[in-house]
Every structure is written in C-alpha cells, then in structure tokens.
Amino acid sequence: MPNRDDAWKLVCEYTPSDSLRKHMLAVEAACRAYGRRWNEDEEIYALTGLLHDFDYERWPNPPDHPLQGAAILAQLGYPEHIIYAIKSHADYLPDCPRVSRLDKTLYACDELSGFIVAVAMVRPERLNGMQPSSVKKKMKAKGFAAAVNRDDIVNGAADLGVELDEHIQFVIDALTGVAADLGL
C-alpha cells in the first residue's frame, strides 16, 4: 500500500491550489484523530482524509469528482476501503452509501474542518481558545462561508454518533495540532 509520502506527492501533483491542499491537511488531521480515538488504524483514516479531494481541481464536476480520483487510487494500489470512503463522501453517488466508521468519519470531518478553518481565519487568535459556540454562531450566519453546507456538518456528526458540540471541539483540537501547516 502506498504510504503518506506517496499520498502527499499525489496531492501535490493534482492540486496546485494551496488552499485546497491545506483543506486536505485539515481533514487528514481530523480523521487521524478519530482513528486514534477509536483505536483503529489512524494511518488509514489519515490517508483517507488527505486524499479525499486530490482530484477536485482537475475534475470538479459530479460525478467526475470523486470517481476520477477513485480510479487513479485503484491503479496506484490503495485499499478498496479508502477508495470507497472517498467515493461515499459525495452525496450524489447513490451506490456509495456511508456504511463504515471510516466512511462516516470522512463525511463528518470534511465540511466541518473547512468551516472551522474559515472561522479561525477571521479570529485574531485563530484556533486558540475557539469554542463550539463560536463555530455554531457562525453557522447561523448564512453569508459566512456560504459554500459550506451546514446540514452536512449537523448530519455528519449525527451519522457518526457524536454530539455536535463534542464533534466540533474534537475537530478544533485536532486542527490545533497542525495549525502551523494550515497557516493558522
């Protein structure tokens, strides 16, 4: 199986955008933390988070994203459960329901990680001292990070079986550990 260095090279090859690379680093950190929390293979969780959007800039239109990336990952020897989780993070692929904890973790961490980074960017102290209440307050501001689907955040936590405030704090804590890599 390819390792983290291989995955990062793939991300860099397909993703020129620094902001999208940082998003994938954020989701990697959140997924890794959940893998550790559940005593599962955190490297599998981390690779899934890191690779979930690597194909997005080349193929942004559904269902090309994530299906083009899934085909590339299969050719490169990535395990089927990573590929399936990446496919299942797209709501528009009806034949890929989120079944495993890995699938649900990626979905739950994807939009929330991006939203937390957006909230951090408008705070002078960035991630330091951020609370779930600040994130939830910004979720109510429809004009703030308007592209982020708030329902995905709420439904992702519920599907994962984690209370929303707990999930938000968990992801904040995970992102704090890689704040420098995220430019925060």
C-alpha atoms as a PDB file:
ATOM      1  CA  MET A   1       0.000   0.000   0.000  1.00  0.00           C
ATOM      2  CA  PRO A   2       1.298   3.488  -0.766  1.00  0.00           C
ATOM      3  CA  ASN A   3       2.373   5.497   2.283  1.00  0.00           C
ATOM      4  CA  ARG A   4       1.773   9.057   3.456  1.00  0.00           C
ATOM      5  CA  ASP A   5       4.697  10.452   1.413  1.00  0.00           C
ATOM      6  CA  ASP A   6       3.264   8.840  -1.716  1.00  0.00           C
ATOM      7  CA  ALA A   7      -0.160  10.301  -0.938  1.00  0.00           C
ATOM      8  CA  TRP A   8       1.262  13.796  -0.407  1.00  0.00           C
ATOM      9  CA  LYS A   9       3.117  13.615  -3.738  1.00  0.00           C
ATOM     10  CA  LEU A  10      -0.152  12.672  -5.415  1.00  0.00           C
ATOM     11  CA  VAL A  11      -1.942  15.590  -3.734  1.00  0.00           C
ATOM     12  CA  CYS A  12       0.770  17.993  -4.903  1.00  0.00           C
ATOM     13  CA  GLU A  13       0.736  16.588  -8.446  1.00  0.00           C
ATOM     14  CA  TYR A  14      -3.020  17.018  -8.874  1.00  0.00           C
ATOM     15  CA  THR A  15      -3.718  20.025  -6.636  1.00  0.00           C
ATOM     16  CA  PRO A  16      -1.913  23.283  -7.423  1.00  0.00           C
ATOM     17  CA  SER A  17      -4.141  25.276  -5.039  1.00  0.00           C
ATOM     18  CA  ASP A  18      -2.506  25.889  -1.671  1.00  0.00           C
ATOM     19  CA  SER A  19      -5.890  26.429  -0.029  1.00  0.00           C
ATOM     20  CA  LEU A  20      -7.228  23.057  -1.215  1.00  0.00           C
ATOM     21  CA  ARG A  21      -4.020  21.336  -0.104  1.00  0.00           C
ATOM     22  CA  LYS A  22      -4.464  22.909   3.324  1.00  0.00           C
ATOM     23  CA  HIS A  23      -8.071  21.738   3.403  1.00  0.00           C
ATOM     24  CA  MET A  24      -6.919  18.177   2.780  1.00  0.00           C
ATOM     25  CA  LEU A  25      -4.284  18.537   5.525  1.00  0.00           C
ATOM     26  CA  ALA A  26      -7.010  19.703   7.911  1.00  0.00           C
ATOM     27  CA  VAL A  27      -9.282  16.773   7.074  1.00  0.00           C
ATOM     28  CA  GLU A  28      -6.297  14.433   7.390  1.00  0.00           C
ATOM     29  CA  ALA A  29      -5.651  15.703  10.930  1.00  0.00           C
ATOM     30  CA  ALA A  30      -9.296  15.385  11.974  1.00  0.00           C
ATOM     31  CA  CYS A  31      -9.647  11.875  10.513  1.00  0.00           C
ATOM     32  CA  ARG A  32      -6.344  10.770  12.058  1.00  0.00           C
ATOM     33  CA  ALA A  33      -7.523  11.954  15.474  1.00  0.00           C
ATOM     34  CA  TYR A  34     -10.742   9.969  15.145  1.00  0.00           C
ATOM     35  CA  GLY A  35      -8.834   6.860  14.071  1.00  0.00           C
ATOM     36  CA  ARG A  36      -6.707   7.219  17.202  1.00  0.00           C
ATOM     37  CA  ARG A  37      -9.780   7.844  19.384  1.00  0.00           C
ATOM     38  CA  TRP A  38     -11.352   4.575  18.250  1.00  0.00           C
ATOM     39  CA  ASN A  39      -8.137   2.547  18.374  1.00  0.00           C
ATOM     40  CA  GLU A  40      -8.356   1.920  14.661  1.00  0.00           C
ATOM     41  CA  ASP A  41      -5.595   2.272  12.091  1.00  0.00           C
ATOM     42  CA  GLU A  42      -5.037   6.014  12.224  1.00  0.00           C
ATOM     43  CA  GLU A  43      -2.851   5.894   9.103  1.00  0.00           C
ATOM     44  CA  ILE A  44      -5.806   4.572   7.089  1.00  0.00           C
ATOM     45  CA  TYR A  45      -8.005   7.341   8.480  1.00  0.00           C
ATOM     46  CA  ALA A  46      -5.319   9.952   7.796  1.00  0.00           C
ATOM     47  CA  LEU A  47      -4.705   8.825   4.206  1.00  0.00           C
ATOM     48  CA  THR A  48      -8.429   8.872   3.526  1.00  0.00           C
ATOM     49  CA  GLY A  49      -8.709  12.438   4.788  1.00  0.00           C
ATOM     50  CA  LEU A  50      -5.604  13.568   2.931  1.00  0.00           C
ATOM     51  CA  LEU A  51      -6.653  12.101  -0.411  1.00  0.00           C
ATOM     52  CA  HIS A  52     -10.397  12.787  -0.416  1.00  0.00           C
ATOM     53  CA  ASP A  53     -10.276  15.854  -2.703  1.00  0.00           C
ATOM     54  CA  PHE A  54      -6.991  15.363  -4.567  1.00  0.00           C
ATOM     55  CA  ASP A  55      -8.838  15.079  -7.905  1.00  0.00           C
ATOM     56  CA  TYR A  56     -11.188  18.031  -7.354  1.00  0.00           C
ATOM     57  CA  GLU A  57      -9.282  20.722  -9.255  1.00  0.00           C
ATOM     58  CA  ARG A  58      -8.927  18.567 -12.378  1.00  0.00           C
ATOM     59  CA  TRP A  59     -12.452  17.139 -12.264  1.00  0.00           C
ATOM     60  CA  PRO A  60     -14.671  19.425 -10.157  1.00  0.00           C
ATOM     61  CA  ASN A  61     -17.976  18.300 -11.653  1.00  0.00           C
ATOM     62  CA  PRO A  62     -20.004  15.433 -10.232  1.00  0.00           C
ATOM     63  CA  PRO A  63     -19.633  12.533 -10.597  1.00  0.00           C
ATOM     64  CA  ASP A  64     -16.127  13.004 -12.075  1.00  0.00           C
ATOM     65  CA  HIS A  65     -15.097  14.050  -8.574  1.00  0.00           C
ATOM     66  CA  PRO A  66     -14.548  11.644  -6.836  1.00  0.00           C
ATOM     67  CA  LEU A  67     -14.796   8.903  -9.470  1.00  0.00           C
ATOM     68  CA  GLN A  68     -11.750  10.012 -11.492  1.00  0.00           C
ATOM     69  CA  GLY A  69      -9.691  10.077  -8.299  1.00  0.00           C
ATOM     70  CA  ALA A  70     -11.054   6.697  -7.219  1.00  0.00           C
ATOM     71  CA  ALA A  71      -9.853   5.151 -10.482  1.00  0.00           C
ATOM     72  CA  ILE A  72      -6.385   6.677 -10.032  1.00  0.00           C
ATOM     73  CA  LEU A  73      -6.176   5.438  -6.436  1.00  0.00           C
ATOM     74  CA  ALA A  74      -7.168   1.924  -7.531  1.00  0.00           C
ATOM     75  CA  GLN A  75      -4.433   1.915 -10.198  1.00  0.00           C
ATOM     76  CA  LEU A  76      -1.904   3.005  -7.569  1.00  0.00           C
ATOM     77  CA  GLY A  77      -2.819   0.164  -5.212  1.00  0.00           C
ATOM     78  CA  TYR A  78      -4.759   1.987  -2.490  1.00  0.00           C
ATOM     79  CA  PRO A  79      -7.055  -0.295  -0.482  1.00  0.00           C
ATOM     80  CA  GLU A  80     -10.695  -0.524  -1.502  1.00  0.00           C
ATOM     81  CA  HIS A  81     -11.960   0.710   1.897  1.00  0.00           C
ATOM     82  CA  ILE A  82     -10.073   4.016   1.457  1.00  0.00           C
ATOM     83  CA  ILE A  83     -11.384   4.387  -2.101  1.00  0.00           C
ATOM     84  CA  TYR A  84     -14.929   3.559  -1.041  1.00  0.00           C
ATOM     85  CA  ALA A  85     -14.840   6.069   1.833  1.00  0.00           C
ATOM     86  CA  ILE A  86     -13.669   8.763  -0.581  1.00  0.00           C
ATOM     87  CA  LYS A  87     -16.461   7.913  -3.020  1.00  0.00           C
ATOM     88  CA  SER A  88     -19.015   7.893  -0.186  1.00  0.00           C
ATOM     89  CA  HIS A  89     -18.205  11.462   0.861  1.00  0.00           C
ATOM     90  CA  ALA A  90     -20.105  12.587  -2.253  1.00  0.00           C
ATOM     91  CA  ASP A  91     -23.856  12.688  -1.606  1.00  0.00           C
ATOM     92  CA  TYR A  92     -24.597  12.316  -5.309  1.00  0.00           C
ATOM     93  CA  LEU A  93     -23.308   8.740  -5.672  1.00  0.00           C
ATOM     94  CA  PRO A  94     -26.346   6.660  -4.665  1.00  0.00           C
ATOM     95  CA  ASP A  95     -24.455   3.374  -4.955  1.00  0.00           C
ATOM     96  CA  CYS A  96     -21.962   4.506  -2.276  1.00  0.00           C
ATOM     97  CA  PRO A  97     -23.848   4.936   0.993  1.00  0.00           C
ATOM     98  CA  ARG A  98     -21.743   5.645   4.063  1.00  0.00           C
ATOM     99  CA  VAL A  99     -21.539   2.320   5.883  1.00  0.00           C
ATOM    100  CA  SER A 100     -18.274   2.003   7.807  1.00  0.00           C
ATOM    101  CA  ARG A 101     -16.965   4.198  10.575  1.00  0.00           C
ATOM    102  CA  LEU A 102     -14.241   5.355   8.157  1.00  0.00           C
ATOM    103  CA  ASP A 103     -16.880   6.463   5.613  1.00  0.00           C
ATOM    104  CA  LYS A 104     -18.824   8.347   8.267  1.00  0.00           C
ATOM    105  CA  THR A 105     -15.701   9.933   9.747  1.00  0.00           C
ATOM    106  CA  LEU A 106     -14.574  11.399   6.432  1.00  0.00           C
ATOM    107  CA  TYR A 107     -18.030  12.816   5.762  1.00  0.00           C
ATOM    108  CA  ALA A 108     -18.322  14.243   9.279  1.00  0.00           C
ATOM    109  CA  CYS A 109     -14.873  15.863   9.168  1.00  0.00           C
ATOM    110  CA  ASP A 110     -14.847  17.243   5.627  1.00  0.00           C
ATOM    111  CA  GLU A 111     -17.211  20.233   5.745  1.00  0.00           C
ATOM    112  CA  LEU A 112     -16.614  20.885   9.437  1.00  0.00           C
ATOM    113  CA  SER A 113     -12.826  21.105   9.029  1.00  0.00           C
ATOM    114  CA  GLY A 114     -13.235  23.638   6.231  1.00  0.00           C
ATOM    115  CA  PHE A 115     -15.719  25.651   8.246  1.00  0.00           C
ATOM    116  CA  ILE A 116     -13.544  25.702  11.367  1.00  0.00           C
ATOM    117  CA  VAL A 117     -10.598  26.953   9.301  1.00  0.00           C
ATOM    118  CA  ALA A 118     -12.827  29.704   7.872  1.00  0.00           C
ATOM    119  CA  VAL A 119     -13.894  30.717  11.385  1.00  0.00           C
ATOM    120  CA  ALA A 120     -10.268  30.701  12.552  1.00  0.00           C
ATOM    121  CA  MET A 121      -9.238  32.960   9.683  1.00  0.00           C
ATOM    122  CA  VAL A 122     -11.480  35.786  10.949  1.00  0.00           C
ATOM    123  CA  ARG A 123     -10.368  35.493  14.580  1.00  0.00           C
ATOM    124  CA  PRO A 124      -7.261  37.349  15.789  1.00  0.00           C
ATOM    125  CA  GLU A 125      -6.353  34.364  17.997  1.00  0.00           C
ATOM    126  CA  ARG A 126      -7.132  31.902  15.165  1.00  0.00           C
ATOM    127  CA  LEU A 127      -7.763  28.427  16.671  1.00  0.00           C
ATOM    128  CA  ASN A 128      -6.546  29.364  20.146  1.00  0.00           C
ATOM    129  CA  GLY A 129      -9.456  29.294  22.562  1.00  0.00           C
ATOM    130  CA  MET A 130     -12.047  28.589  19.864  1.00  0.00           C
ATOM    131  CA  GLN A 131     -15.208  27.082  21.305  1.00  0.00           C
ATOM    132  CA  PRO A 132     -18.038  25.149  19.662  1.00  0.00           C
ATOM    133  CA  SER A 133     -20.370  28.052  20.467  1.00  0.00           C
ATOM    134  CA  SER A 134     -18.341  30.393  18.218  1.00  0.00           C
ATOM    135  CA  VAL A 135     -18.494  27.875  15.379  1.00  0.00           C
ATOM    136  CA  LYS A 136     -22.232  27.342  15.809  1.00  0.00           C
ATOM    137  CA  LYS A 137     -22.814  31.103  15.887  1.00  0.00           C
ATOM    138  CA  LYS A 138     -21.003  31.461  12.551  1.00  0.00           C
ATOM    139  CA  MET A 139     -23.039  28.544  11.172  1.00  0.00           C
ATOM    140  CA  LYS A 140     -26.148  30.696  11.641  1.00  0.00           C
ATOM    141  CA  ALA A 141     -24.629  33.499   9.528  1.00  0.00           C
ATOM    142  CA  LYS A 142     -25.686  32.330   6.060  1.00  0.00           C
ATOM    143  CA  GLY A 143     -23.341  34.777   4.305  1.00  0.00           C
ATOM    144  CA  PHE A 144     -20.285  33.463   6.146  1.00  0.00           C
ATOM    145  CA  ALA A 145     -18.502  30.652   4.248  1.00  0.00           C
ATOM    146  CA  ALA A 146     -21.680  30.354   2.214  1.00  0.00           C
ATOM    147  CA  ALA A 147     -20.386  27.399   0.177  1.00  0.00           C
ATOM    148  CA  VAL A 148     -20.244  25.199   3.294  1.00  0.00           C
ATOM    149  CA  ASN A 149     -23.337  23.070   3.696  1.00  0.00           C
ATOM    150  CA  ARG A 150     -24.414  23.418   7.319  1.00  0.00           C
ATOM    151  CA  ASP A 151     -26.714  20.399   7.048  1.00  0.00           C
ATOM    152  CA  ASP A 152     -23.705  18.251   6.132  1.00  0.00           C
ATOM    153  CA  ILE A 153     -21.995  19.369   9.346  1.00  0.00           C
ATOM    154  CA  VAL A 154     -25.010  18.581  11.534  1.00  0.00           C
ATOM    155  CA  ASN A 155     -25.896  15.346   9.735  1.00  0.00           C
ATOM    156  CA  GLY A 156     -22.261  14.209   9.666  1.00  0.00           C
ATOM    157  CA  ALA A 157     -21.980  14.421  13.451  1.00  0.00           C
ATOM    158  CA  ALA A 158     -25.312  12.642  13.917  1.00  0.00           C
ATOM    159  CA  ASP A 159     -24.384   9.880  11.466  1.00  0.00           C
ATOM    160  CA  LEU A 160     -21.070   9.443  13.259  1.00  0.00           C
ATOM    161  CA  GLY A 161     -22.938   9.149  16.561  1.00  0.00           C
ATOM    162  CA  VAL A 162     -21.194  12.110  18.170  1.00  0.00           C
ATOM    163  CA  GLU A 163     -22.966  15.073  19.761  1.00  0.00           C
ATOM    164  CA  LEU A 164     -22.416  18.192  17.622  1.00  0.00           C
ATOM    165  CA  ASP A 165     -20.622  20.310  20.258  1.00  0.00           C
ATOM    166  CA  GLU A 166     -18.340  17.395  21.127  1.00  0.00           C
ATOM    167  CA  HIS A 167     -17.584  16.806  17.438  1.00  0.00           C
ATOM    168  CA  ILE A 168     -16.807  20.481  16.832  1.00  0.00           C
ATOM    169  CA  GLN A 169     -14.457  20.617  19.825  1.00  0.00           C
ATOM    170  CA  PHE A 170     -12.771  17.377  18.805  1.00  0.00           C
ATOM    171  CA  VAL A 171     -12.054  18.729  15.323  1.00  0.00           C
ATOM    172  CA  ILE A 172     -10.874  22.096  16.713  1.00  0.00           C
ATOM    173  CA  ASP A 173      -8.425  20.203  18.937  1.00  0.00           C
ATOM    174  CA  ALA A 174      -7.219  18.057  16.022  1.00  0.00           C
ATOM    175  CA  LEU A 175      -6.658  21.119  13.816  1.00  0.00           C
ATOM    176  CA  THR A 176      -4.839  22.946  16.605  1.00  0.00           C
ATOM    177  CA  GLY A 177      -2.162  20.272  16.403  1.00  0.00           C
ATOM    178  CA  VAL A 178      -1.435  21.173  12.752  1.00  0.00           C
ATOM    179  CA  ALA A 179      -2.230  24.892  12.945  1.00  0.00           C
ATOM    180  CA  ALA A 180       1.156  25.902  11.535  1.00  0.00           C
ATOM    181  CA  ASP A 181       0.670  23.649   8.486  1.00  0.00           C
ATOM    182  CA  LEU A 182      -2.728  25.253   7.935  1.00  0.00           C
ATOM    183  CA  GLY A 183      -1.367  28.793   8.138  1.00  0.00           C
ATOM    184  CA  LEU A 184      -3.159  29.364  11.425  1.00  0.00           C
END
